[in-house]
């Protein structure tokens, strides 16, 4: 008699365990479905907000382009560490967008350029002369050069000196630079 009771009890425990496994899997399925719906709803809300901002931006584009503004260029290549390790002269590659300084051809624009490598005085003089020639080229008059140094600023983060061998993207180096 005791043997039969034990067998029934073990069978009951096994069925109870199986029922709990089924119940837990069902609860997890319901929770996952809710989470998927919530993520989908959040994504749609974010997309709607982006579309609203883009519409506002597009409608005010003429005002933006006609008003005075400062453009900040951070030419950061945010690749994974393993990819960055394969590049030779990673800082120089990040700095290939120096031509963005030419945005000052628009008289309403001032440019702040964050350089990924320390620049020599020779390079700075070269860009100063080059940018000064913009008005001369536009007017086809070689004597019409002007000084544009007050319309652009080139900043080299201090942390570049602290991490010379690390191949960090420029935005990370900028994050580790002390504030001035």
C-alpha atoms as a PDB file:
ATOM      1  CA  UNK A   1       0.000   0.000   0.000  1.00  0.00           C
ATOM      2  CA  UNK A   2       2.804   2.430   0.862  1.00  0.00           C
ATOM      3  CA  UNK A   3       4.540   1.610  -2.416  1.00  0.00           C
ATOM      4  CA  UNK A   4       1.404   2.529  -4.406  1.00  0.00           C
ATOM      5  CA  UNK A   5       1.018   5.795  -2.481  1.00  0.00           C
ATOM      6  CA  UNK A   6       4.647   6.667  -3.123  1.00  0.00           C
ATOM      7  CA  UNK A   7       4.279   5.907  -6.834  1.00  0.00           C
ATOM      8  CA  UNK A   8       1.164   8.114  -7.003  1.00  0.00           C
ATOM      9  CA  UNK A   9       2.980  10.862  -5.112  1.00  0.00           C
ATOM     10  CA  UNK A  10       5.989  10.692  -7.468  1.00  0.00           C
ATOM     11  CA  UNK A  11       3.637  10.764 -10.453  1.00  0.00           C
ATOM     12  CA  UNK A  12       1.832  13.775  -8.930  1.00  0.00           C
ATOM     13  CA  UNK A  13       5.165  15.566  -8.391  1.00  0.00           C
ATOM     14  CA  UNK A  14       6.218  14.845 -11.955  1.00  0.00           C
ATOM     15  CA  UNK A  15       2.896  16.162 -13.325  1.00  0.00           C
ATOM     16  CA  UNK A  16       3.139  19.227 -11.072  1.00  0.00           C
ATOM     17  CA  UNK A  17       6.678  19.890 -12.338  1.00  0.00           C
ATOM     18  CA  UNK A  18       5.519  19.495 -15.959  1.00  0.00           C
ATOM     19  CA  UNK A  19       2.587  21.847 -15.327  1.00  0.00           C
ATOM     20  CA  UNK A  20       4.914  24.437 -13.776  1.00  0.00           C
ATOM     21  CA  UNK A  21       7.268  24.201 -16.777  1.00  0.00           C
ATOM     22  CA  UNK A  22       4.326  24.743 -19.123  1.00  0.00           C
ATOM     23  CA  UNK A  23       3.002  27.622 -16.994  1.00  0.00           C
ATOM     24  CA  UNK A  24       6.406  29.331 -16.815  1.00  0.00           C
ATOM     25  CA  UNK A  25       6.957  28.959 -20.551  1.00  0.00           C
ATOM     26  CA  UNK A  26       3.475  30.389 -21.209  1.00  0.00           C
ATOM     27  CA  UNK A  27       4.105  33.336 -18.852  1.00  0.00           C
ATOM     28  CA  UNK A  28       7.464  34.003 -20.526  1.00  0.00           C
ATOM     29  CA  UNK A  29       5.817  33.863 -23.946  1.00  0.00           C
ATOM     30  CA  UNK A  30       3.191  36.407 -22.853  1.00  0.00           C
ATOM     31  CA  UNK A  31       5.879  38.674 -21.343  1.00  0.00           C
ATOM     32  CA  UNK A  32       7.977  38.465 -24.513  1.00  0.00           C
ATOM     33  CA  UNK A  33       4.946  39.311 -26.650  1.00  0.00           C
ATOM     34  CA  UNK A  34       4.216  42.336 -24.436  1.00  0.00           C
ATOM     35  CA  UNK A  35       7.854  43.399 -24.608  1.00  0.00           C
ATOM     36  CA  UNK A  36       7.856  43.095 -28.408  1.00  0.00           C
ATOM     37  CA  UNK A  37       4.693  45.195 -28.599  1.00  0.00           C
ATOM     38  CA  UNK A  38       6.168  47.779 -26.237  1.00  0.00           C
ATOM     39  CA  UNK A  39       9.414  47.941 -28.255  1.00  0.00           C
ATOM     40  CA  UNK A  40       7.437  48.238 -31.480  1.00  0.00           C
ATOM     41  CA  UNK A  41       5.332  51.045 -29.985  1.00  0.00           C
ATOM     42  CA  UNK A  42       8.446  52.823 -28.686  1.00  0.00           C
ATOM     43  CA  UNK A  43      10.142  52.507 -32.073  1.00  0.00           C
ATOM     44  CA  UNK A  44       7.086  53.920 -33.854  1.00  0.00           C
ATOM     45  CA  UNK A  45       6.939  56.811 -31.351  1.00  0.00           C
ATOM     46  CA  UNK A  46      10.622  57.537 -31.948  1.00  0.00           C
ATOM     47  CA  UNK A  47      10.083  57.399 -35.710  1.00  0.00           C
ATOM     48  CA  UNK A  48       7.127  59.796 -35.472  1.00  0.00           C
ATOM     49  CA  UNK A  49       9.173  62.179 -33.312  1.00  0.00           C
ATOM     50  CA  UNK A  50      12.018  62.030 -35.844  1.00  0.00           C
ATOM     51  CA  UNK A  51       9.636  62.765 -38.712  1.00  0.00           C
ATOM     52  CA  UNK A  52       8.185  65.742 -36.806  1.00  0.00           C
ATOM     53  CA  UNK A  53      11.669  67.113 -36.090  1.00  0.00           C
ATOM     54  CA  UNK A  54      12.723  66.574 -39.717  1.00  0.00           C
ATOM     55  CA  UNK A  55       9.604  68.389 -40.917  1.00  0.00           C
ATOM     56  CA  UNK A  56      10.288  71.332 -38.577  1.00  0.00           C
ATOM     57  CA  UNK A  57      13.923  71.347 -39.691  1.00  0.00           C
ATOM     58  CA  UNK A  58      12.954  71.304 -43.370  1.00  0.00           C
ATOM     59  CA  UNK A  59      10.415  74.092 -42.913  1.00  0.00           C
ATOM     60  CA  UNK A  60      12.958  76.292 -41.129  1.00  0.00           C
ATOM     61  CA  UNK A  61      15.868  75.438 -43.456  1.00  0.00           C
ATOM     62  CA  UNK A  62      15.745  78.766 -45.279  1.00  0.00           C
ATOM     63  CA  UNK A  63      15.881  80.665 -41.988  1.00  0.00           C
ATOM     64  CA  UNK A  64      18.777  78.479 -40.823  1.00  0.00           C
ATOM     65  CA  UNK A  65      20.803  78.975 -43.996  1.00  0.00           C
ATOM     66  CA  UNK A  66      20.270  82.737 -43.982  1.00  0.00           C
ATOM     67  CA  UNK A  67      21.122  83.302 -40.323  1.00  0.00           C
ATOM     68  CA  UNK A  68      24.532  83.404 -38.658  1.00  0.00           C
ATOM     69  CA  UNK A  69      25.680  80.020 -37.351  1.00  0.00           C
ATOM     70  CA  UNK A  70      28.662  78.011 -36.166  1.00  0.00           C
ATOM     71  CA  UNK A  71      29.423  74.601 -37.653  1.00  0.00           C
ATOM     72  CA  UNK A  72      31.454  72.225 -35.489  1.00  0.00           C
ATOM     73  CA  UNK A  73      33.205  69.411 -37.360  1.00  0.00           C
ATOM     74  CA  UNK A  74      34.343  66.377 -35.371  1.00  0.00           C
ATOM     75  CA  UNK A  75      35.772  63.991 -37.997  1.00  0.00           C
ATOM     76  CA  UNK A  76      35.625  60.934 -35.758  1.00  0.00           C
ATOM     77  CA  UNK A  77      35.772  57.452 -37.271  1.00  0.00           C
ATOM     78  CA  UNK A  78      33.859  55.402 -34.715  1.00  0.00           C
ATOM     79  CA  UNK A  79      34.922  51.947 -35.867  1.00  0.00           C
ATOM     80  CA  UNK A  80      35.306  48.967 -33.523  1.00  0.00           C
ATOM     81  CA  UNK A  81      38.659  48.605 -31.788  1.00  0.00           C
ATOM     82  CA  UNK A  82      39.596  45.583 -33.919  1.00  0.00           C
ATOM     83  CA  UNK A  83      39.000  47.544 -37.118  1.00  0.00           C
ATOM     84  CA  UNK A  84      40.871  50.599 -35.815  1.00  0.00           C
ATOM     85  CA  UNK A  85      43.887  48.424 -35.003  1.00  0.00           C
ATOM     86  CA  UNK A  86      44.229  47.427 -38.670  1.00  0.00           C
ATOM     87  CA  UNK A  87      44.563  51.033 -39.885  1.00  0.00           C
ATOM     88  CA  UNK A  88      47.951  52.612 -40.178  1.00  0.00           C
ATOM     89  CA  UNK A  89      47.930  56.335 -39.368  1.00  0.00           C
ATOM     90  CA  UNK A  90      44.425  56.231 -37.917  1.00  0.00           C
ATOM     91  CA  UNK A  91      44.648  59.857 -36.766  1.00  0.00           C
ATOM     92  CA  UNK A  92      45.573  61.020 -40.246  1.00  0.00           C
ATOM     93  CA  UNK A  93      42.615  59.098 -41.685  1.00  0.00           C
ATOM     94  CA  UNK A  94      40.301  60.839 -39.254  1.00  0.00           C
ATOM     95  CA  UNK A  95      41.790  64.181 -40.237  1.00  0.00           C
ATOM     96  CA  UNK A  96      41.045  63.766 -43.958  1.00  0.00           C
ATOM     97  CA  UNK A  97      38.015  66.018 -43.613  1.00  0.00           C
ATOM     98  CA  UNK A  98      40.087  69.199 -43.201  1.00  0.00           C
ATOM     99  CA  UNK A  99      38.462  70.501 -46.380  1.00  0.00           C
ATOM    100  CA  UNK A 100      35.361  71.087 -44.268  1.00  0.00           C
ATOM    101  CA  UNK A 101      37.024  74.348 -43.289  1.00  0.00           C
ATOM    102  CA  UNK A 102      35.919  75.595 -46.706  1.00  0.00           C
ATOM    103  CA  UNK A 103      32.396  75.893 -45.297  1.00  0.00           C
ATOM    104  CA  UNK A 104      33.399  79.441 -44.372  1.00  0.00           C
ATOM    105  CA  UNK A 105      32.853  80.449 -47.990  1.00  0.00           C
ATOM    106  CA  UNK A 106      29.316  81.158 -46.760  1.00  0.00           C
ATOM    107  CA  UNK A 107      29.571  84.565 -45.041  1.00  0.00           C
ATOM    108  CA  UNK A 108      27.087  83.485 -42.334  1.00  0.00           C
ATOM    109  CA  UNK A 109      29.170  80.503 -41.225  1.00  0.00           C
ATOM    110  CA  UNK A 110      31.959  80.213 -38.683  1.00  0.00           C
ATOM    111  CA  UNK A 111      33.710  76.845 -38.390  1.00  0.00           C
ATOM    112  CA  UNK A 112      35.200  75.047 -35.412  1.00  0.00           C
ATOM    113  CA  UNK A 113      37.242  72.054 -36.545  1.00  0.00           C
ATOM    114  CA  UNK A 114      38.460  69.452 -34.049  1.00  0.00           C
ATOM    115  CA  UNK A 115      41.700  67.986 -35.443  1.00  0.00           C
ATOM    116  CA  UNK A 116      42.603  64.358 -34.803  1.00  0.00           C
ATOM    117  CA  UNK A 117      46.363  64.970 -35.005  1.00  0.00           C
ATOM    118  CA  UNK A 118      48.538  67.862 -33.842  1.00  0.00           C
ATOM    119  CA  UNK A 119      49.034  70.256 -36.744  1.00  0.00           C
ATOM    120  CA  UNK A 120      52.296  71.999 -37.511  1.00  0.00           C
ATOM    121  CA  UNK A 121      52.503  75.768 -37.878  1.00  0.00           C
ATOM    122  CA  UNK A 122      53.264  75.222 -41.548  1.00  0.00           C
ATOM    123  CA  UNK A 123      49.982  73.363 -42.045  1.00  0.00           C
ATOM    124  CA  UNK A 124      48.033  76.029 -40.185  1.00  0.00           C
ATOM    125  CA  UNK A 125      49.610  78.749 -42.331  1.00  0.00           C
ATOM    126  CA  UNK A 126      48.800  76.753 -45.469  1.00  0.00           C
ATOM    127  CA  UNK A 127      45.110  76.517 -44.564  1.00  0.00           C
ATOM    128  CA  UNK A 128      45.045  80.171 -43.544  1.00  0.00           C
ATOM    129  CA  UNK A 129      46.413  81.192 -46.960  1.00  0.00           C
ATOM    130  CA  UNK A 130      44.137  78.750 -48.775  1.00  0.00           C
ATOM    131  CA  UNK A 131      41.028  80.023 -47.034  1.00  0.00           C
ATOM    132  CA  UNK A 132      42.133  83.604 -47.644  1.00  0.00           C
ATOM    133  CA  UNK A 133      42.214  82.855 -51.365  1.00  0.00           C
ATOM    134  CA  UNK A 134      38.503  81.928 -51.405  1.00  0.00           C
ATOM    135  CA  UNK A 135      37.380  85.512 -51.979  1.00  0.00           C
ATOM    136  CA  UNK A 136      40.130  86.096 -54.542  1.00  0.00           C
ATOM    137  CA  UNK A 137      38.994  83.061 -56.544  1.00  0.00           C
ATOM    138  CA  UNK A 138      35.317  84.017 -56.243  1.00  0.00           C
ATOM    139  CA  UNK A 139      36.012  87.539 -57.561  1.00  0.00           C
ATOM    140  CA  UNK A 140      38.705  86.457 -60.068  1.00  0.00           C
ATOM    141  CA  UNK A 141      40.980  89.063 -58.543  1.00  0.00           C
ATOM    142  CA  UNK A 142      44.281  87.762 -57.059  1.00  0.00           C
ATOM    143  CA  UNK A 143      44.757  90.920 -54.973  1.00  0.00           C
ATOM    144  CA  UNK A 144      41.413  90.432 -53.227  1.00  0.00           C
ATOM    145  CA  UNK A 145      42.747  88.063 -50.537  1.00  0.00           C
ATOM    146  CA  UNK A 146      41.413  88.481 -47.034  1.00  0.00           C
ATOM    147  CA  UNK A 147      42.235  87.157 -43.590  1.00  0.00           C
ATOM    148  CA  UNK A 148      39.744  84.461 -42.598  1.00  0.00           C
ATOM    149  CA  UNK A 149      41.411  83.362 -39.351  1.00  0.00           C
ATOM    150  CA  UNK A 150      38.705  85.026 -37.263  1.00  0.00           C
ATOM    151  CA  UNK A 151      36.039  82.883 -38.963  1.00  0.00           C
ATOM    152  CA  UNK A 152      37.499  79.464 -38.194  1.00  0.00           C
ATOM    153  CA  UNK A 153      39.190  77.795 -35.248  1.00  0.00           C
ATOM    154  CA  UNK A 154      41.164  74.553 -35.268  1.00  0.00           C
ATOM    155  CA  UNK A 155      41.243  72.761 -31.926  1.00  0.00           C
ATOM    156  CA  UNK A 156      43.499  69.820 -31.069  1.00  0.00           C
ATOM    157  CA  UNK A 157      42.331  67.925 -27.948  1.00  0.00           C
ATOM    158  CA  UNK A 158      44.910  67.723 -25.155  1.00  0.00           C
ATOM    159  CA  UNK A 159      44.302  64.005 -24.624  1.00  0.00           C
ATOM    160  CA  UNK A 160      46.023  63.254 -27.948  1.00  0.00           C
ATOM    161  CA  UNK A 161      49.305  63.796 -26.093  1.00  0.00           C
ATOM    162  CA  UNK A 162      48.148  61.523 -23.254  1.00  0.00           C
ATOM    163  CA  UNK A 163      47.227  58.604 -25.522  1.00  0.00           C
ATOM    164  CA  UNK A 164      49.749  58.717 -28.393  1.00  0.00           C
ATOM    165  CA  UNK A 165      49.868  54.948 -28.987  1.00  0.00           C
ATOM    166  CA  UNK A 166      46.171  54.234 -28.480  1.00  0.00           C
ATOM    167  CA  UNK A 167      44.063  54.192 -31.591  1.00  0.00           C
ATOM    168  CA  UNK A 168      41.026  55.874 -30.146  1.00  0.00           C
ATOM    169  CA  UNK A 169      38.380  57.607 -32.215  1.00  0.00           C
ATOM    170  CA  UNK A 170      38.408  61.376 -31.981  1.00  0.00           C
ATOM    171  CA  UNK A 171      35.161  61.635 -30.025  1.00  0.00           C
ATOM    172  CA  UNK A 172      36.609  59.380 -27.297  1.00  0.00           C
ATOM    173  CA  UNK A 173      39.815  61.413 -27.160  1.00  0.00           C
ATOM    174  CA  UNK A 174      37.704  64.541 -26.906  1.00  0.00           C
ATOM    175  CA  UNK A 175      35.779  62.967 -24.030  1.00  0.00           C
ATOM    176  CA  UNK A 176      39.014  62.319 -22.115  1.00  0.00           C
ATOM    177  CA  UNK A 177      40.381  65.820 -22.718  1.00  0.00           C
ATOM    178  CA  UNK A 178      40.192  68.270 -19.820  1.00  0.00           C
ATOM    179  CA  UNK A 179      37.642  71.046 -20.116  1.00  0.00           C
ATOM    180  CA  UNK A 180      38.906  74.549 -20.525  1.00  0.00           C
END
